[in-house]
Amino acid sequence: MTLYTDRTVAPGERLKPPAELRPDNAGAAPTPPAQADVAVIGAGVIGLSIAWRLAGRGLSVAVFDRAEAGSGTSYAATGMLAAAAEHEPGGEELLALTLDSQRQWLDFRTSLEADANATIDYRDEGTLVVALGRDEVERLRFHHEQQRRAGLNTSWLNGMEVRRIEPGLRASVAAGISCPDDHQVDPRRVVPALASAFVRRGGFLIQGHPVTSLDMTGGRVSGVLTPTRLCRARTVIAATGAWSNDGVLPPTLDIPMRPLKGQALALRTNRQTGAPRHVIWTEQIHLAPKGDGQLIVGSTMEDAGFNPAITAGGVLALLEGVHRALPSSEEMEIEAVWSGFRPTTDDDAPIIGESGIPGLLLATGHHRNGILLAPVTATAIEQLIMDAATSGAASQFGLARFQRDSTTMAQIAGARR
């Protein structure tokens, strides 16, 4: 592989969207409004999706981000919509949520591209989960059996069938699972498209402008405070991801959240190297080919706090993983290496809905599924604000579930004493 070309960004710097799509060209508001119906903290894919939908319902919405839209976690993401590939034992409730959101993505994409007048590189070739050696086949069969029991649309492939679909994979590939409904998008196009669509609907996007605290009136959240002014709002939505416990929200609000670090890299494919058509999952990595010729390789899973360092071990794991799967990667240029932080709750599932504090809603903790879960999260919050209730799978993912679990454990402990 080749490092440092005229397209290479500095190690640790993430890929950026095309210049013509960047959010700072989207007509962002320079200063906060004095008042809005809804204030959203966090301009990642979750916060912007919610804001765009609410603005479409005729509400005045202001979105605040301490940096550039998407710069927290969204631009570090791969963009997989992988409800089937991600399914794990015991995750039936989460699967219902991811499938609901996956079904919403087609309409979400159509509306977003129309509102933004931009494409988001939605690719529907599907996903292949592969066993690169015979020693991995039994584990892959177990995974497929779990998918089959859950009623997912997947099929088993032998090694020859996998190679027929993706001839660039290593010849030793032994088996695979085809997940045709697991599509992908490019986050570096989705975020600026959301920002543009939101502003076109009359929204206020305030970047580089942190929320320092919440305004409280009579025990109710009534707005957000920034370094320059107070923005009053009937409803405040915290879409703050891995930074949900950074001191902005009330200290009485116990959000069981931690950052899980991931390192990833981007390779440049060309006519000689070729590129896979599908998203490829192995036991070590995943590969996501983008429409512009980039191949995203991700991603490590590290419990390292907010340490953004690019490490030799992380990069080595990624390079070994892609070389083991795709021999032609030896000739691909390395264009970028970066890290990000997944907002991860105690059960790896999101928190969507009431906070227990009047006027404050939560939309956070999406772990590695923020892109996938954007439509269903936006729908749920929209329902809460417009109809005062959430229906469907999202109704099971409120903050109260952790409080119920804590109460149950305390009762069990008390019974044992």
Protein backbone atom coordinates (compact mmCIF):
# COMPACT_ATOMS: atom_id res chain seq x y z
CA MET A 1 0.00 0.00 0.00
CA THR A 2 1.10 3.55 -0.66
CA LEU A 3 0.91 6.33 1.94
CA TYR A 4 1.17 10.09 1.28
CA THR A 5 -0.12 11.03 -2.14
CA ASP A 6 -1.54 14.35 -3.27
CA ARG A 7 -4.94 13.19 -1.94
CA THR A 8 -3.73 11.97 1.47
CA VAL A 9 -4.91 13.83 4.58
CA ALA A 10 -2.85 14.03 7.76
CA PRO A 11 -3.10 10.97 10.03
CA GLY A 12 -5.99 11.45 12.42
CA GLU A 13 -7.81 13.91 10.15
CA ARG A 14 -11.12 12.57 8.88
CA LEU A 15 -12.36 12.58 5.34
CA LYS A 16 -14.41 15.66 4.51
CA PRO A 17 -17.47 15.95 2.28
CA PRO A 18 -17.07 17.43 -1.18
CA ALA A 19 -16.54 21.20 -0.92
CA GLU A 20 -19.83 22.01 -2.60
CA LEU A 21 -21.72 19.92 0.00
CA ARG A 22 -20.07 21.09 3.20
CA PRO A 23 -22.47 22.30 5.89
CA ASP A 24 -20.72 25.65 6.25
CA ASN A 25 -21.93 26.39 2.72
CA ALA A 26 -25.52 25.53 3.65
CA GLY A 27 -26.62 28.97 4.82
CA ALA A 28 -26.01 28.33 8.51
CA ALA A 29 -27.19 30.99 10.95
CA PRO A 30 -24.30 33.08 12.38
CA THR A 31 -25.95 33.70 15.77
CA PRO A 32 -28.65 31.89 17.75
CA PRO A 33 -32.25 33.05 17.58
CA ALA A 34 -33.77 34.44 20.77
CA GLN A 35 -36.56 31.89 20.64
CA ALA A 36 -37.52 28.66 18.85
CA ASP A 37 -40.13 25.97 19.23
CA VAL A 38 -37.38 23.35 19.50
CA ALA A 39 -33.67 23.58 20.30
CA VAL A 40 -31.51 20.59 19.34
CA ILE A 41 -28.09 20.12 20.93
CA GLY A 42 -25.83 18.26 18.52
CA ALA A 43 -25.58 18.53 14.73
CA GLY A 44 -24.70 14.95 13.97
CA VAL A 45 -26.83 12.71 11.81
CA ILE A 46 -29.30 12.10 14.67
CA GLY A 47 -29.76 15.74 15.65
CA LEU A 48 -30.00 16.95 12.05
CA SER A 49 -32.47 14.21 11.07
CA ILE A 50 -34.77 15.17 13.93
CA ALA A 51 -34.44 18.89 13.19
CA TRP A 52 -35.11 18.44 9.47
CA ARG A 53 -38.29 16.44 10.15
CA LEU A 54 -39.59 18.92 12.73
CA ALA A 55 -38.88 21.89 10.49
CA GLY A 56 -40.92 20.09 7.83
CA ARG A 57 -43.84 20.07 10.26
CA GLY A 58 -43.76 23.86 10.45
CA LEU A 59 -41.89 24.22 13.76
CA SER A 60 -39.12 26.76 14.26
CA VAL A 61 -36.00 24.71 15.08
CA ALA A 62 -32.49 25.74 16.09
CA VAL A 63 -29.60 23.24 16.06
CA PHE A 64 -26.46 23.97 18.07
CA ASP A 65 -23.06 22.34 17.70
CA ARG A 66 -19.80 23.31 19.36
CA ALA A 67 -17.91 22.46 16.17
CA GLU A 68 -18.83 21.65 12.57
CA ALA A 69 -21.93 19.60 11.84
CA GLY A 70 -21.03 15.91 11.72
CA SER A 71 -17.62 16.36 13.32
CA GLY A 72 -18.44 14.45 16.51
CA THR A 73 -19.13 10.86 15.44
CA SER A 74 -21.04 11.00 12.16
CA TYR A 75 -18.05 11.74 9.91
CA ALA A 76 -16.16 8.87 11.54
CA ALA A 77 -18.88 6.40 10.54
CA THR A 78 -18.86 3.95 7.63
CA GLY A 79 -22.53 4.40 6.71
CA MET A 80 -23.76 0.81 6.87
CA LEU A 81 -27.48 0.08 7.17
CA ALA A 82 -26.79 -3.42 8.43
CA ALA A 83 -29.74 -4.66 10.46
CA ALA A 84 -29.13 -8.31 9.52
CA ALA A 85 -25.33 -8.37 9.65
CA GLU A 86 -25.35 -6.60 13.03
CA HIS A 87 -27.90 -8.92 14.64
CA GLU A 88 -26.58 -10.67 17.75
CA PRO A 89 -28.09 -13.24 20.13
CA GLY A 90 -30.39 -11.60 22.67
CA GLY A 91 -30.88 -8.54 20.50
CA GLU A 92 -34.47 -9.14 19.42
CA GLU A 93 -35.85 -5.80 20.65
CA LEU A 94 -32.98 -3.90 19.04
CA LEU A 95 -33.48 -5.90 15.83
CA ALA A 96 -37.11 -4.76 15.69
CA LEU A 97 -35.88 -1.16 15.93
CA THR A 98 -33.15 -1.54 13.30
CA LEU A 99 -35.50 -3.29 10.87
CA ASP A 100 -38.11 -0.56 11.35
CA SER A 101 -35.49 2.07 10.54
CA GLN A 102 -34.09 0.09 7.62
CA ARG A 103 -37.57 0.00 6.09
CA GLN A 104 -37.87 3.77 6.54
CA TRP A 105 -34.57 4.52 4.83
CA LEU A 106 -35.86 4.39 1.25
CA ASP A 107 -38.49 7.11 1.81
CA PHE A 108 -36.04 9.00 4.05
CA ARG A 109 -33.47 8.99 1.26
CA THR A 110 -35.96 10.07 -1.40
CA SER A 111 -37.21 13.01 0.66
CA LEU A 112 -33.73 14.03 1.79
CA GLU A 113 -32.22 14.05 -1.69
CA ALA A 114 -35.19 16.04 -3.00
CA ASP A 115 -35.04 18.63 -0.20
CA ALA A 116 -31.25 18.98 -0.37
CA ASN A 117 -30.97 18.71 -4.15
CA ALA A 118 -28.03 16.36 -3.57
CA THR A 119 -27.28 12.63 -3.65
CA ILE A 120 -26.11 10.64 -0.63
CA ASP A 121 -24.48 7.69 -2.46
CA TYR A 122 -27.19 5.23 -1.41
CA ARG A 123 -26.00 1.80 -2.55
CA ASP A 124 -28.27 -1.25 -2.53
CA GLU A 125 -25.92 -4.04 -3.65
CA GLY A 126 -26.22 -5.56 -0.18
CA THR A 127 -23.77 -7.00 2.33
CA LEU A 128 -21.71 -10.20 2.42
CA VAL A 129 -20.54 -11.64 5.74
CA VAL A 130 -17.73 -14.06 4.95
CA ALA A 131 -15.58 -16.78 6.51
CA LEU A 132 -12.10 -16.36 5.08
CA GLY A 133 -10.92 -19.76 6.32
CA ARG A 134 -12.47 -23.09 7.24
CA ASP A 135 -11.85 -22.45 10.93
CA GLU A 136 -14.38 -19.59 10.76
CA VAL A 137 -17.21 -21.50 9.07
CA GLU A 138 -18.78 -22.93 12.23
CA ARG A 139 -19.03 -19.48 13.82
CA LEU A 140 -20.52 -18.08 10.64
CA ARG A 141 -23.11 -20.90 10.55
CA PHE A 142 -24.12 -20.04 14.10
CA HIS A 143 -24.57 -16.41 13.04
CA HIS A 144 -26.70 -17.45 10.08
CA GLU A 145 -28.82 -19.71 12.28
CA GLN A 146 -29.52 -16.73 14.55
CA GLN A 147 -30.55 -14.69 11.52
CA ARG A 148 -32.76 -17.51 10.24
CA ARG A 149 -34.54 -17.84 13.59
CA ALA A 150 -35.17 -14.10 13.57
CA GLY A 151 -36.81 -14.39 10.14
CA LEU A 152 -34.20 -12.24 8.39
CA ASN A 153 -33.80 -12.21 4.63
CA THR A 154 -30.38 -13.85 4.36
CA SER A 155 -28.96 -16.85 2.48
CA TRP A 156 -26.00 -19.19 2.95
CA LEU A 157 -23.29 -19.27 0.28
CA ASN A 158 -20.44 -21.71 -0.21
CA GLY A 159 -16.96 -20.46 -1.04
CA MET A 160 -17.39 -20.75 -4.81
CA GLU A 161 -20.64 -18.79 -4.67
CA VAL A 162 -19.00 -16.03 -2.64
CA ARG A 163 -16.12 -15.77 -5.12
CA ARG A 164 -18.53 -15.68 -8.03
CA ILE A 165 -20.21 -12.64 -6.46
CA GLU A 166 -16.96 -10.98 -5.32
CA PRO A 167 -14.05 -12.42 -7.34
CA GLY A 168 -11.53 -10.08 -5.72
CA LEU A 169 -11.79 -11.82 -2.35
CA ARG A 170 -9.02 -14.14 -1.26
CA ALA A 171 -9.25 -17.56 -2.92
CA SER A 172 -9.42 -19.28 0.49
CA VAL A 173 -12.82 -17.78 1.31
CA ALA A 174 -14.83 -20.73 2.64
CA ALA A 175 -18.41 -19.50 3.02
CA GLY A 176 -20.59 -16.45 3.31
CA ILE A 177 -23.97 -15.02 4.19
CA SER A 178 -25.76 -12.79 1.74
CA CYS A 179 -27.71 -9.95 3.39
CA PRO A 180 -29.41 -8.27 0.42
CA ASP A 181 -31.39 -5.76 2.51
CA ASP A 182 -28.31 -4.37 4.29
CA HIS A 183 -27.51 -1.31 2.17
CA GLN A 184 -25.16 1.62 2.75
CA VAL A 185 -24.84 5.40 2.40
CA ASP A 186 -21.92 7.82 2.59
CA PRO A 187 -22.01 9.84 5.85
CA ARG A 188 -19.88 12.53 4.21
CA ARG A 189 -22.83 13.15 1.91
CA VAL A 190 -25.67 12.43 4.33
CA VAL A 191 -24.64 15.05 6.92
CA PRO A 192 -24.29 18.00 4.53
CA ALA A 193 -27.48 16.94 2.76
CA LEU A 194 -29.33 17.00 6.09
CA ALA A 195 -27.83 20.38 6.97
CA SER A 196 -28.83 21.84 3.63
CA ALA A 197 -32.34 20.33 3.71
CA PHE A 198 -32.86 21.60 7.26
CA VAL A 199 -31.80 25.15 6.44
CA ARG A 200 -33.94 25.13 3.28
CA ARG A 201 -36.93 24.32 5.50
CA GLY A 202 -36.23 27.45 7.54
CA GLY A 203 -34.11 25.93 10.29
CA PHE A 204 -31.31 27.68 12.19
CA LEU A 205 -27.99 25.79 12.11
CA ILE A 206 -25.53 27.33 14.56
CA GLN A 207 -22.08 25.73 14.23
CA GLY A 208 -19.05 26.45 16.40
CA HIS A 209 -21.41 27.63 19.11
CA PRO A 210 -21.55 25.36 22.17
CA VAL A 211 -24.47 25.06 24.53
CA THR A 212 -23.04 25.73 27.98
CA SER A 213 -26.09 24.88 30.08
CA LEU A 214 -29.85 24.48 30.03
CA ASP A 215 -32.24 27.22 31.08
CA MET A 216 -34.71 26.05 33.73
CA THR A 217 -38.03 27.66 34.65
CA GLY A 218 -40.17 26.17 37.40
CA GLY A 219 -38.50 22.77 37.19
CA ARG A 220 -38.88 22.64 33.42
CA VAL A 221 -36.23 23.01 30.72
CA SER A 222 -37.13 26.21 28.88
CA GLY A 223 -34.16 26.83 26.59
CA VAL A 224 -30.41 26.65 26.08
CA LEU A 225 -27.64 29.01 27.12
CA THR A 226 -24.72 29.74 24.77
CA PRO A 227 -21.70 32.04 25.15
CA THR A 228 -23.57 34.82 23.36
CA ARG A 229 -27.23 34.54 24.30
CA LEU A 230 -30.15 32.56 25.65
CA CYS A 231 -32.37 30.74 23.15
CA ARG A 232 -35.73 29.96 24.70
CA ALA A 233 -37.50 26.82 23.49
CA ARG A 234 -40.59 24.84 24.43
CA THR A 235 -38.64 21.61 23.89
CA VAL A 236 -34.91 20.88 24.05
CA ILE A 237 -33.56 17.70 22.46
CA ALA A 238 -30.18 16.33 23.55
CA ALA A 239 -28.63 14.55 20.56
CA THR A 240 -25.18 14.78 22.08
CA GLY A 241 -23.92 11.25 21.44
CA ALA A 242 -20.78 10.18 23.27
CA TRP A 243 -20.64 13.62 24.93
CA SER A 244 -24.00 13.27 26.71
CA ASN A 245 -22.29 13.35 30.11
CA ASP A 246 -20.10 16.41 29.48
CA GLY A 247 -21.86 18.59 32.06
CA VAL A 248 -24.47 20.37 29.93
CA LEU A 249 -27.38 18.18 31.00
CA PRO A 250 -28.61 18.31 34.62
CA PRO A 251 -26.38 16.32 37.01
CA THR A 252 -29.45 14.48 38.32
CA LEU A 253 -29.87 12.89 34.88
CA ASP A 254 -28.08 9.54 35.01
CA ILE A 255 -27.26 8.46 31.45
CA PRO A 256 -25.35 5.13 31.39
CA MET A 257 -23.04 6.10 28.53
CA ARG A 258 -19.40 5.65 27.64
CA PRO A 259 -17.35 6.28 24.48
CA LEU A 260 -16.05 3.28 22.56
CA LYS A 261 -13.19 4.29 20.31
CA GLY A 262 -12.86 3.05 16.74
CA GLN A 263 -10.04 3.57 14.26
CA ALA A 264 -10.67 3.37 10.52
CA LEU A 265 -8.95 4.14 7.24
CA ALA A 266 -9.77 4.93 3.63
CA LEU A 267 -8.09 3.32 0.62
CA ARG A 268 -8.21 4.57 -2.97
CA THR A 269 -9.20 1.91 -5.48
CA ASN A 270 -8.50 2.13 -9.20
CA ARG A 271 -9.02 0.15 -12.40
CA GLN A 272 -6.03 -2.08 -11.68
CA THR A 273 -6.93 -2.92 -8.07
CA GLY A 274 -10.65 -3.21 -8.63
CA ALA A 275 -13.11 -2.81 -5.77
CA PRO A 276 -15.79 -4.95 -4.16
CA ARG A 277 -19.38 -4.15 -5.10
CA HIS A 278 -20.88 -5.22 -1.78
CA VAL A 279 -20.15 -4.24 1.78
CA ILE A 280 -17.91 -7.04 3.08
CA TRP A 281 -17.77 -8.20 6.69
CA THR A 282 -15.07 -10.50 8.02
CA GLU A 283 -14.33 -11.49 11.60
CA GLN A 284 -11.71 -8.72 11.76
CA ILE A 285 -13.01 -5.81 9.67
CA HIS A 286 -15.67 -4.50 7.34
CA LEU A 287 -15.12 -2.99 3.89
CA ALA A 288 -17.48 -0.40 2.41
CA PRO A 289 -16.88 0.68 -1.22
CA LYS A 290 -18.06 4.21 -1.99
CA GLY A 291 -19.18 5.70 -5.27
CA ASP A 292 -16.14 7.98 -5.50
CA GLY A 293 -13.69 5.04 -5.53
CA GLN A 294 -12.82 5.06 -1.86
CA LEU A 295 -12.87 1.87 0.16
CA ILE A 296 -13.56 2.46 3.86
CA VAL A 297 -11.94 -0.08 6.19
CA GLY A 298 -13.23 -0.26 9.74
CA SER A 299 -13.15 -0.49 12.55
CA THR A 300 -11.42 -1.25 15.81
CA MET A 301 -13.35 -1.47 19.07
CA GLU A 302 -11.43 0.06 21.99
CA ASP A 303 -12.49 0.99 25.52
CA ALA A 304 -10.02 3.89 25.69
CA GLY A 305 -12.08 6.86 26.85
CA PHE A 306 -11.79 9.98 24.72
CA ASN A 307 -8.24 9.29 23.57
CA PRO A 308 -8.26 10.05 19.81
CA ALA A 309 -4.74 8.77 19.13
CA ILE A 310 -4.06 6.80 15.97
CA THR A 311 -2.11 3.77 17.18
CA ALA A 312 0.27 1.40 15.43
CA GLY A 313 -1.75 -1.55 16.74
CA GLY A 314 -5.02 -0.17 15.43
CA VAL A 315 -3.67 0.58 11.97
CA LEU A 316 -1.89 -2.78 11.83
CA ALA A 317 -5.13 -4.62 12.65
CA LEU A 318 -6.96 -2.78 9.88
CA LEU A 319 -4.24 -3.34 7.29
CA GLU A 320 -3.85 -7.02 8.17
CA GLY A 321 -7.61 -7.47 8.03
CA VAL A 322 -8.06 -5.88 4.61
CA HIS A 323 -5.02 -7.68 3.14
CA ARG A 324 -6.30 -11.01 4.39
CA ALA A 325 -9.66 -10.40 2.71
CA LEU A 326 -8.66 -8.50 -0.43
CA PRO A 327 -5.17 -9.21 -1.82
CA SER A 328 -5.35 -6.33 -4.33
CA SER A 329 -5.37 -3.89 -1.38
CA GLU A 330 -1.56 -4.06 -1.49
CA GLU A 331 -1.65 -1.67 -4.45
CA MET A 332 -4.21 0.75 -3.05
CA GLU A 333 -3.23 4.18 -1.76
CA ILE A 334 -4.00 5.05 1.86
CA GLU A 335 -5.91 8.32 1.79
CA ALA A 336 -6.87 8.80 5.42
CA VAL A 337 -6.67 7.24 8.89
CA TRP A 338 -8.89 8.51 11.68
CA SER A 339 -10.61 7.69 14.95
CA GLY A 340 -14.03 8.34 16.43
CA PHE A 341 -16.14 7.59 19.48
CA ARG A 342 -19.27 5.46 19.47
CA PRO A 343 -21.87 6.60 22.04
CA THR A 344 -22.44 3.33 23.85
CA THR A 345 -24.98 2.64 26.59
CA ASP A 346 -24.88 -0.24 29.06
CA ASP A 347 -26.99 -2.41 26.73
CA ASP A 348 -25.53 -1.11 23.42
CA ALA A 349 -28.94 0.30 22.43
CA PRO A 350 -30.08 3.90 22.02
CA ILE A 351 -31.98 6.15 24.40
CA ILE A 352 -34.94 7.74 22.61
CA GLY A 353 -37.67 9.77 24.27
CA GLU A 354 -38.51 11.34 27.62
CA SER A 355 -35.73 12.27 30.03
CA GLY A 356 -37.91 12.49 33.11
CA ILE A 357 -37.36 16.28 33.15
CA PRO A 358 -40.20 18.27 31.54
CA GLY A 359 -39.15 19.98 28.35
CA LEU A 360 -36.11 17.76 27.71
CA LEU A 361 -36.04 14.81 25.29
CA LEU A 362 -33.14 12.44 24.61
CA ALA A 363 -31.91 10.98 21.33
CA THR A 364 -28.52 9.50 22.06
CA GLY A 365 -26.52 6.31 22.67
CA HIS A 366 -26.82 4.83 19.18
CA HIS A 367 -23.51 2.91 19.52
CA ARG A 368 -22.43 1.89 15.99
CA ASN A 369 -25.89 2.24 14.43
CA GLY A 370 -26.42 5.99 14.33
CA ILE A 371 -26.68 6.20 10.55
CA LEU A 372 -29.00 3.19 10.37
CA LEU A 373 -31.25 4.42 13.19
CA ALA A 374 -31.55 8.04 12.06
CA PRO A 375 -34.99 7.67 10.39
CA VAL A 376 -36.66 5.74 13.21
CA THR A 377 -35.21 8.09 15.83
CA ALA A 378 -36.42 11.16 13.95
CA THR A 379 -39.88 9.61 13.58
CA ALA A 380 -40.08 8.77 17.29
CA ILE A 381 -39.10 12.25 18.45
CA GLU A 382 -41.43 13.83 15.89
CA GLN A 383 -44.29 11.73 17.28
CA LEU A 384 -43.46 12.72 20.84
CA ILE A 385 -43.49 16.42 20.05
CA MET A 386 -46.46 16.46 17.69
CA ASP A 387 -48.62 13.70 19.22
CA ALA A 388 -47.25 13.41 22.79
CA ALA A 389 -46.58 9.67 22.33
CA THR A 390 -44.25 7.30 20.51
CA SER A 391 -45.46 4.14 18.81
CA GLY A 392 -43.69 1.10 17.44
CA ALA A 393 -40.34 -0.39 18.38
CA ALA A 394 -38.84 2.93 19.50
CA SER A 395 -41.23 3.08 22.46
CA GLN A 396 -39.12 0.37 24.17
CA PHE A 397 -35.93 2.42 24.21
CA GLY A 398 -36.50 5.17 26.75
CA LEU A 399 -34.14 6.08 29.58
CA ALA A 400 -36.61 4.56 32.05
CA ARG A 401 -35.52 1.03 31.09
CA PHE A 402 -32.23 1.53 32.93
CA GLN A 403 -34.03 2.87 35.97
CA ARG A 404 -36.34 -0.18 35.96
CA ASP A 405 -33.30 -2.46 35.71
CA SER A 406 -31.65 -0.68 38.66
CA THR A 407 -34.80 -1.03 40.75
CA THR A 408 -35.11 -4.72 39.91
CA MET A 409 -31.48 -5.40 40.85
CA ALA A 410 -31.90 -3.51 44.13
CA GLN A 411 -35.00 -5.55 44.96
CA ILE A 412 -33.15 -8.80 44.21
CA ALA A 413 -30.21 -7.72 46.36
CA GLY A 414 -32.57 -6.76 49.18
CA ALA A 415 -34.35 -10.12 49.01
CA ARG A 416 -30.99 -11.94 49.34
CA ARG A 417 -29.93 -10.04 52.46
